[in-house]
Amino acid sequence: MNAYEVLKEHHTVLKGFGKKISDAPVGSAERRALLDDMLVELDIHFRIEDDLYYPALSAASKLIAIAHAEHRQVIDQLSVLLKTSPSDPGYEDEWNSFKTVLEAHADEEERDMIPAPPEVQLSAEELEALGQAMSTRIEHYRGSAMYRLRTKGRAALVRSL
């Protein structure tokens, strides 16, 4: 699987969590568990982009700067969501804002960076190797109990603030 396919597949995973969370009852244990799992996948996603994909597209520095700014938007909106109690009347609005920002980032990334812009020269072999490295990293993080615990711990810390 090449790098483009890995990113698109992972965007689908994140959007799937968004739908499942929206369908789960607000304030339920199911919704909380799904959100925690989504946070792990979101952190994994940002790590594979920041550590592997964006460096490979370094010739597209303007697009990468925009993508980093969008990551900050997603994280800022996530912080607001995590600090909002599910029993708060505005919780659902905060959830929808987070979901919108996340999906917009994924859609813009697919539109502008998949495939890479013309100034980036990646061969089919390089795309395959990059995709393999990204897939390996995703599976490593998914399989790490310590990684999941760290990510969920950070979310708990933000919730408590």
C-alpha atoms as a PDB file:
ATOM      1  CA  MET A   1       0.000   0.000   0.000  1.00  0.00           C
ATOM      2  CA  ASN A   2       1.497   3.349  -0.945  1.00  0.00           C
ATOM      3  CA  ALA A   3       1.583   6.438   1.286  1.00  0.00           C
ATOM      4  CA  TYR A   4      -1.480   8.006  -0.334  1.00  0.00           C
ATOM      5  CA  GLU A   5      -3.554   4.897   0.259  1.00  0.00           C
ATOM      6  CA  VAL A   6      -2.392   4.684   3.891  1.00  0.00           C
ATOM      7  CA  LEU A   7      -3.432   8.288   4.562  1.00  0.00           C
ATOM      8  CA  LYS A   8      -6.785   7.944   2.844  1.00  0.00           C
ATOM      9  CA  GLU A   9      -7.503   4.721   4.725  1.00  0.00           C
ATOM     10  CA  HIS A  10      -6.596   6.349   8.027  1.00  0.00           C
ATOM     11  CA  HIS A  11      -8.809   9.354   7.221  1.00  0.00           C
ATOM     12  CA  THR A  12     -11.632   6.865   6.704  1.00  0.00           C
ATOM     13  CA  VAL A  13     -10.892   5.321  10.118  1.00  0.00           C
ATOM     14  CA  LEU A  14     -11.042   8.749  11.795  1.00  0.00           C
ATOM     15  CA  LYS A  15     -14.256   9.743   9.999  1.00  0.00           C
ATOM     16  CA  GLY A  16     -15.752   6.374  10.948  1.00  0.00           C
ATOM     17  CA  PHE A  17     -15.070   7.127  14.596  1.00  0.00           C
ATOM     18  CA  GLY A  18     -16.762  10.486  14.102  1.00  0.00           C
ATOM     19  CA  LYS A  19     -19.927   8.808  12.861  1.00  0.00           C
ATOM     20  CA  LYS A  20     -19.926   6.175  15.615  1.00  0.00           C
ATOM     21  CA  ILE A  21     -19.421   8.813  18.287  1.00  0.00           C
ATOM     22  CA  SER A  22     -22.207  10.986  16.855  1.00  0.00           C
ATOM     23  CA  ASP A  23     -24.530   7.980  16.908  1.00  0.00           C
ATOM     24  CA  ALA A  24     -23.710   7.027  20.521  1.00  0.00           C
ATOM     25  CA  PRO A  25     -25.765   8.617  23.305  1.00  0.00           C
ATOM     26  CA  VAL A  26     -24.243  11.806  24.705  1.00  0.00           C
ATOM     27  CA  GLY A  27     -22.649  11.162  28.094  1.00  0.00           C
ATOM     28  CA  SER A  28     -22.663   7.381  27.670  1.00  0.00           C
ATOM     29  CA  ALA A  29     -19.749   5.106  28.522  1.00  0.00           C
ATOM     30  CA  GLU A  30     -19.858   3.890  24.911  1.00  0.00           C
ATOM     31  CA  ARG A  31     -19.359   7.418  23.586  1.00  0.00           C
ATOM     32  CA  ARG A  32     -16.520   8.092  26.028  1.00  0.00           C
ATOM     33  CA  ALA A  33     -14.759   4.855  25.058  1.00  0.00           C
ATOM     34  CA  LEU A  34     -15.148   5.609  21.349  1.00  0.00           C
ATOM     35  CA  LEU A  35     -13.787   9.126  21.849  1.00  0.00           C
ATOM     36  CA  ASP A  36     -10.797   7.754  23.757  1.00  0.00           C
ATOM     37  CA  ASP A  37     -10.109   5.310  20.917  1.00  0.00           C
ATOM     38  CA  MET A  38     -10.468   8.119  18.383  1.00  0.00           C
ATOM     39  CA  LEU A  39      -7.957  10.220  20.311  1.00  0.00           C
ATOM     40  CA  VAL A  40      -5.411   7.421  20.054  1.00  0.00           C
ATOM     41  CA  GLU A  41      -5.992   7.133  16.298  1.00  0.00           C
ATOM     42  CA  LEU A  42      -5.828  10.920  15.883  1.00  0.00           C
ATOM     43  CA  ASP A  43      -2.515  11.074  17.722  1.00  0.00           C
ATOM     44  CA  ILE A  44      -1.196   8.216  15.582  1.00  0.00           C
ATOM     45  CA  HIS A  45      -2.359  10.036  12.476  1.00  0.00           C
ATOM     46  CA  PHE A  46      -0.620  13.270  13.377  1.00  0.00           C
ATOM     47  CA  ARG A  47       2.561  11.367  14.239  1.00  0.00           C
ATOM     48  CA  ILE A  48       2.764   9.509  10.918  1.00  0.00           C
ATOM     49  CA  GLU A  49       2.138  12.748   9.058  1.00  0.00           C
ATOM     50  CA  ASP A  50       4.584  14.832  11.092  1.00  0.00           C
ATOM     51  CA  ASP A  51       7.306  12.179  11.324  1.00  0.00           C
ATOM     52  CA  LEU A  52       7.070  10.530   7.898  1.00  0.00           C
ATOM     53  CA  TYR A  53       4.696  11.975   5.309  1.00  0.00           C
ATOM     54  CA  TYR A  54       5.352  15.704   5.643  1.00  0.00           C
ATOM     55  CA  PRO A  55       9.144  15.320   5.650  1.00  0.00           C
ATOM     56  CA  ALA A  56       8.847  13.336   2.402  1.00  0.00           C
ATOM     57  CA  LEU A  57       6.897  16.252   0.907  1.00  0.00           C
ATOM     58  CA  SER A  58       9.264  18.916   2.227  1.00  0.00           C
ATOM     59  CA  ALA A  59       9.443  20.589  -1.203  1.00  0.00           C
ATOM     60  CA  ALA A  60       5.801  21.595  -0.655  1.00  0.00           C
ATOM     61  CA  SER A  61       6.688  23.693   2.375  1.00  0.00           C
ATOM     62  CA  LYS A  62       3.703  26.080   2.078  1.00  0.00           C
ATOM     63  CA  LEU A  63       1.209  23.203   2.102  1.00  0.00           C
ATOM     64  CA  ILE A  64       2.983  21.582   5.027  1.00  0.00           C
ATOM     65  CA  ALA A  65       2.839  24.831   7.003  1.00  0.00           C
ATOM     66  CA  ILE A  66      -0.904  24.979   6.332  1.00  0.00           C
ATOM     67  CA  ALA A  67      -1.305  21.348   7.398  1.00  0.00           C
ATOM     68  CA  HIS A  68       0.540  22.032  10.667  1.00  0.00           C
ATOM     69  CA  ALA A  69      -1.733  25.013  11.317  1.00  0.00           C
ATOM     70  CA  GLU A  70      -4.740  22.779  10.705  1.00  0.00           C
ATOM     71  CA  HIS A  71      -3.353  20.232  13.183  1.00  0.00           C
ATOM     72  CA  ARG A  72      -3.228  23.023  15.769  1.00  0.00           C
ATOM     73  CA  GLN A  73      -6.848  23.929  14.968  1.00  0.00           C
ATOM     74  CA  VAL A  74      -7.921  20.323  15.461  1.00  0.00           C
ATOM     75  CA  ILE A  75      -6.042  20.101  18.770  1.00  0.00           C
ATOM     76  CA  ASP A  76      -7.437  23.443  19.977  1.00  0.00           C
ATOM     77  CA  GLN A  77     -10.998  22.374  19.190  1.00  0.00           C
ATOM     78  CA  LEU A  78     -10.345  18.983  20.785  1.00  0.00           C
ATOM     79  CA  SER A  79      -9.189  20.740  23.962  1.00  0.00           C
ATOM     80  CA  VAL A  80     -12.411  22.739  24.093  1.00  0.00           C
ATOM     81  CA  LEU A  81     -14.414  19.545  23.601  1.00  0.00           C
ATOM     82  CA  LEU A  82     -12.545  17.654  26.306  1.00  0.00           C
ATOM     83  CA  LYS A  83     -12.998  20.519  28.775  1.00  0.00           C
ATOM     84  CA  THR A  84     -16.763  20.586  28.119  1.00  0.00           C
ATOM     85  CA  SER A  85     -18.818  18.255  30.285  1.00  0.00           C
ATOM     86  CA  PRO A  86     -21.107  15.917  28.323  1.00  0.00           C
ATOM     87  CA  SER A  87     -23.939  17.222  30.515  1.00  0.00           C
ATOM     88  CA  ASP A  88     -23.280  20.822  29.413  1.00  0.00           C
ATOM     89  CA  PRO A  89     -25.974  22.137  27.010  1.00  0.00           C
ATOM     90  CA  GLY A  90     -23.263  23.222  24.551  1.00  0.00           C
ATOM     91  CA  TYR A  91     -21.473  19.863  24.489  1.00  0.00           C
ATOM     92  CA  GLU A  92     -23.052  18.626  21.270  1.00  0.00           C
ATOM     93  CA  ASP A  93     -22.144  21.912  19.526  1.00  0.00           C
ATOM     94  CA  GLU A  94     -18.516  21.490  20.658  1.00  0.00           C
ATOM     95  CA  TRP A  95     -18.527  17.885  19.391  1.00  0.00           C
ATOM     96  CA  ASN A  96     -19.879  18.989  16.014  1.00  0.00           C
ATOM     97  CA  SER A  97     -17.281  21.777  15.794  1.00  0.00           C
ATOM     98  CA  PHE A  98     -14.465  19.325  16.515  1.00  0.00           C
ATOM     99  CA  LYS A  99     -15.788  16.818  14.000  1.00  0.00           C
ATOM    100  CA  THR A 100     -16.134  19.533  11.335  1.00  0.00           C
ATOM    101  CA  VAL A 101     -12.578  20.819  11.834  1.00  0.00           C
ATOM    102  CA  LEU A 102     -11.169  17.275  11.769  1.00  0.00           C
ATOM    103  CA  GLU A 103     -13.042  16.265   8.620  1.00  0.00           C
ATOM    104  CA  ALA A 104     -12.169  19.538   6.865  1.00  0.00           C
ATOM    105  CA  HIS A 105      -8.485  18.921   7.546  1.00  0.00           C
ATOM    106  CA  ALA A 106      -8.678  15.393   6.142  1.00  0.00           C
ATOM    107  CA  ASP A 107     -10.575  16.574   3.054  1.00  0.00           C
ATOM    108  CA  GLU A 108      -8.154  19.461   2.382  1.00  0.00           C
ATOM    109  CA  GLU A 109      -5.175  17.184   2.827  1.00  0.00           C
ATOM    110  CA  GLU A 110      -6.576  14.699   0.328  1.00  0.00           C
ATOM    111  CA  ARG A 111      -7.355  17.502  -2.109  1.00  0.00           C
ATOM    112  CA  ASP A 112      -4.004  19.325  -1.843  1.00  0.00           C
ATOM    113  CA  MET A 113      -1.448  16.684  -0.848  1.00  0.00           C
ATOM    114  CA  ILE A 114      -2.710  13.393  -2.308  1.00  0.00           C
ATOM    115  CA  PRO A 115      -1.143  12.990  -4.715  1.00  0.00           C
ATOM    116  CA  ALA A 116       1.787  15.162  -3.794  1.00  0.00           C
ATOM    117  CA  PRO A 117       1.980  18.500  -5.593  1.00  0.00           C
ATOM    118  CA  PRO A 118       4.172  18.761  -8.711  1.00  0.00           C
ATOM    119  CA  GLU A 119       7.161  20.223  -6.863  1.00  0.00           C
ATOM    120  CA  VAL A 120       7.474  16.967  -4.906  1.00  0.00           C
ATOM    121  CA  GLN A 121       9.193  14.218  -6.836  1.00  0.00           C
ATOM    122  CA  LEU A 122       8.415  10.802  -5.345  1.00  0.00           C
ATOM    123  CA  SER A 123       8.788   7.636  -7.360  1.00  0.00           C
ATOM    124  CA  ALA A 124       6.324   4.771  -7.095  1.00  0.00           C
ATOM    125  CA  GLU A 125       8.963   2.826  -5.150  1.00  0.00           C
ATOM    126  CA  GLU A 126       9.458   5.704  -2.706  1.00  0.00           C
ATOM    127  CA  LEU A 127       5.693   5.984  -2.209  1.00  0.00           C
ATOM    128  CA  GLU A 128       5.488   2.251  -1.482  1.00  0.00           C
ATOM    129  CA  ALA A 129       8.393   2.399   0.985  1.00  0.00           C
ATOM    130  CA  LEU A 130       6.869   5.438   2.680  1.00  0.00           C
ATOM    131  CA  GLY A 131       3.483   3.717   2.836  1.00  0.00           C
ATOM    132  CA  GLN A 132       5.079   0.640   4.386  1.00  0.00           C
ATOM    133  CA  ALA A 133       6.873   2.760   6.981  1.00  0.00           C
ATOM    134  CA  MET A 134       3.629   4.565   7.808  1.00  0.00           C
ATOM    135  CA  SER A 135       1.652   1.309   8.091  1.00  0.00           C
ATOM    136  CA  THR A 136       4.332  -0.199  10.318  1.00  0.00           C
ATOM    137  CA  ARG A 137       4.294   2.850  12.572  1.00  0.00           C
ATOM    138  CA  ILE A 138       0.483   2.778  12.817  1.00  0.00           C
ATOM    139  CA  GLU A 139       0.506  -0.886  13.844  1.00  0.00           C
ATOM    140  CA  HIS A 140       3.326  -0.285  16.326  1.00  0.00           C
ATOM    141  CA  TYR A 141       1.408   2.493  18.073  1.00  0.00           C
ATOM    142  CA  ARG A 142      -1.899   0.607  17.965  1.00  0.00           C
ATOM    143  CA  GLY A 143      -0.250  -2.410  19.562  1.00  0.00           C
ATOM    144  CA  SER A 144       1.445  -0.462  22.350  1.00  0.00           C
ATOM    145  CA  ALA A 145      -0.465  -0.458  25.621  1.00  0.00           C
ATOM    146  CA  MET A 146       1.912   2.207  26.929  1.00  0.00           C
ATOM    147  CA  TYR A 147       1.170   4.460  23.964  1.00  0.00           C
ATOM    148  CA  ARG A 148      -2.595   4.093  24.429  1.00  0.00           C
ATOM    149  CA  LEU A 149      -2.270   4.762  28.154  1.00  0.00           C
ATOM    150  CA  ARG A 150      -0.156   7.877  27.543  1.00  0.00           C
ATOM    151  CA  THR A 151      -2.628   9.255  25.003  1.00  0.00           C
ATOM    152  CA  LYS A 152      -5.643   8.581  27.207  1.00  0.00           C
ATOM    153  CA  GLY A 153      -3.782  10.059  30.182  1.00  0.00           C
ATOM    154  CA  ARG A 154      -3.171  13.294  28.291  1.00  0.00           C
ATOM    155  CA  ALA A 155      -6.885  13.465  27.448  1.00  0.00           C
ATOM    156  CA  ALA A 156      -7.793  12.882  31.101  1.00  0.00           C
ATOM    157  CA  LEU A 157      -5.431  15.663  32.125  1.00  0.00           C
ATOM    158  CA  VAL A 158      -7.047  18.106  29.681  1.00  0.00           C
ATOM    159  CA  ARG A 159     -10.515  17.072  30.884  1.00  0.00           C
ATOM    160  CA  SER A 160      -9.512  17.811  34.473  1.00  0.00           C
ATOM    161  CA  LEU A 161      -8.298  21.339  33.771  1.00  0.00           C
END
